[in-house]
Amino acid sequence: MNTPPLSQSFSLPIAGMTCAACSTRLEKMLRATPGVKDASVNLASERASVQGEAALTLDAVLKPSSAPASTCP
């Protein structure tokens, strides 16, 4: 019998991060996305790992934030 997955995972390339503050900010934004259970961003490898509920879609993770963009010092 095929059972649906209990969770969903994505690994995403991230470009444009210049400092630890950038990766921390992105991590917080990803974790605030509905359906996301955990997220981690690696500045050195320029990748984000996102784990979420089974119904989580890549479109929901990539949806633009309503938060204003900021620049690092």
C-alpha atoms as a PDB file:
ATOM      1  CA  MET A   1       0.000   0.000   0.000  1.00  0.00           C
ATOM      2  CA  ASN A   2       1.286   3.483  -0.889  1.00  0.00           C
ATOM      3  CA  THR A   3       1.138   5.914   1.985  1.00  0.00           C
ATOM      4  CA  PRO A   4       1.618   9.636   1.432  1.00  0.00           C
ATOM      5  CA  PRO A   5       4.721  11.256   2.922  1.00  0.00           C
ATOM      6  CA  LEU A   6       4.318  12.781   6.365  1.00  0.00           C
ATOM      7  CA  SER A   7       6.611  15.680   5.550  1.00  0.00           C
ATOM      8  CA  GLN A   8       8.207  17.503   2.653  1.00  0.00           C
ATOM      9  CA  SER A   9      11.836  18.615   2.235  1.00  0.00           C
ATOM     10  CA  PHE A  10      13.420  21.046  -0.182  1.00  0.00           C
ATOM     11  CA  SER A  11      17.029  22.044  -0.788  1.00  0.00           C
ATOM     12  CA  LEU A  12      17.283  25.367  -2.587  1.00  0.00           C
ATOM     13  CA  PRO A  13      20.181  27.324  -4.077  1.00  0.00           C
ATOM     14  CA  ILE A  14      20.459  30.848  -2.657  1.00  0.00           C
ATOM     15  CA  ALA A  15      22.380  33.658  -4.357  1.00  0.00           C
ATOM     16  CA  GLY A  16      23.221  37.135  -3.173  1.00  0.00           C
ATOM     17  CA  MET A  17      23.916  36.548   0.512  1.00  0.00           C
ATOM     18  CA  THR A  18      26.901  38.565   1.656  1.00  0.00           C
ATOM     19  CA  CYS A  19      27.031  38.003   5.422  1.00  0.00           C
ATOM     20  CA  ALA A  20      25.714  35.966   8.343  1.00  0.00           C
ATOM     21  CA  ALA A  21      22.966  38.526   8.918  1.00  0.00           C
ATOM     22  CA  CYS A  22      21.611  37.780   5.431  1.00  0.00           C
ATOM     23  CA  SER A  23      21.412  34.046   6.090  1.00  0.00           C
ATOM     24  CA  THR A  24      19.857  34.596   9.534  1.00  0.00           C
ATOM     25  CA  ARG A  25      17.218  36.926   8.101  1.00  0.00           C
ATOM     26  CA  LEU A  26      16.383  34.454   5.334  1.00  0.00           C
ATOM     27  CA  GLU A  27      16.148  31.597   7.863  1.00  0.00           C
ATOM     28  CA  LYS A  28      13.658  33.597   9.950  1.00  0.00           C
ATOM     29  CA  MET A  29      11.564  34.418   6.891  1.00  0.00           C
ATOM     30  CA  LEU A  30      11.494  30.791   5.768  1.00  0.00           C
ATOM     31  CA  ARG A  31      10.523  29.577   9.253  1.00  0.00           C
ATOM     32  CA  ALA A  32       7.654  32.091   9.303  1.00  0.00           C
ATOM     33  CA  THR A  33       6.205  30.568   6.114  1.00  0.00           C
ATOM     34  CA  PRO A  34       2.983  28.649   6.829  1.00  0.00           C
ATOM     35  CA  GLY A  35       3.632  24.896   6.714  1.00  0.00           C
ATOM     36  CA  VAL A  36       7.391  25.161   7.309  1.00  0.00           C
ATOM     37  CA  LYS A  37       8.520  23.196  10.370  1.00  0.00           C
ATOM     38  CA  ASP A  38      12.228  24.042  10.140  1.00  0.00           C
ATOM     39  CA  ALA A  39      14.651  25.843   7.863  1.00  0.00           C
ATOM     40  CA  SER A  40      18.392  26.307   7.809  1.00  0.00           C
ATOM     41  CA  VAL A  41      20.485  28.486   5.551  1.00  0.00           C
ATOM     42  CA  ASN A  42      24.176  27.890   4.900  1.00  0.00           C
ATOM     43  CA  LEU A  43      26.045  31.017   3.853  1.00  0.00           C
ATOM     44  CA  ALA A  44      29.161  29.153   2.679  1.00  0.00           C
ATOM     45  CA  SER A  45      27.360  26.648   0.452  1.00  0.00           C
ATOM     46  CA  GLU A  46      24.676  29.173  -0.591  1.00  0.00           C
ATOM     47  CA  ARG A  47      21.875  26.673   0.075  1.00  0.00           C
ATOM     48  CA  ALA A  48      18.715  26.590   2.135  1.00  0.00           C
ATOM     49  CA  SER A  49      17.147  23.415   3.525  1.00  0.00           C
ATOM     50  CA  VAL A  50      13.447  23.563   4.289  1.00  0.00           C
ATOM     51  CA  GLN A  51      11.381  20.884   6.047  1.00  0.00           C
ATOM     52  CA  GLY A  52       7.643  21.138   6.326  1.00  0.00           C
ATOM     53  CA  GLU A  53       4.259  19.542   6.410  1.00  0.00           C
ATOM     54  CA  ALA A  54       3.348  17.095   3.659  1.00  0.00           C
ATOM     55  CA  ALA A  55       1.094  19.699   2.017  1.00  0.00           C
ATOM     56  CA  LEU A  56       3.924  22.248   1.775  1.00  0.00           C
ATOM     57  CA  THR A  57       4.652  23.199  -1.827  1.00  0.00           C
ATOM     58  CA  LEU A  58       7.730  24.726  -3.377  1.00  0.00           C
ATOM     59  CA  ASP A  59       5.544  27.614  -4.579  1.00  0.00           C
ATOM     60  CA  ALA A  60       4.611  28.422  -0.960  1.00  0.00           C
ATOM     61  CA  VAL A  61       8.277  28.440   0.070  1.00  0.00           C
ATOM     62  CA  LEU A  62       9.299  30.659  -2.838  1.00  0.00           C
ATOM     63  CA  LYS A  63       6.366  33.079  -2.486  1.00  0.00           C
ATOM     64  CA  PRO A  64       7.729  36.613  -2.171  1.00  0.00           C
ATOM     65  CA  SER A  65       7.590  38.054   1.303  1.00  0.00           C
ATOM     66  CA  SER A  66       5.598  41.167   2.068  1.00  0.00           C
ATOM     67  CA  ALA A  67       8.458  42.283   4.299  1.00  0.00           C
ATOM     68  CA  PRO A  68      10.573  45.084   2.852  1.00  0.00           C
ATOM     69  CA  ALA A  69      13.895  44.040   1.415  1.00  0.00           C
ATOM     70  CA  SER A  70      16.896  45.313   3.265  1.00  0.00           C
ATOM     71  CA  THR A  71      20.529  45.583   2.445  1.00  0.00           C
ATOM     72  CA  CYS A  72      23.410  44.536   4.598  1.00  0.00           C
ATOM     73  CA  PRO A  73      25.841  47.173   5.798  1.00  0.00           C
END
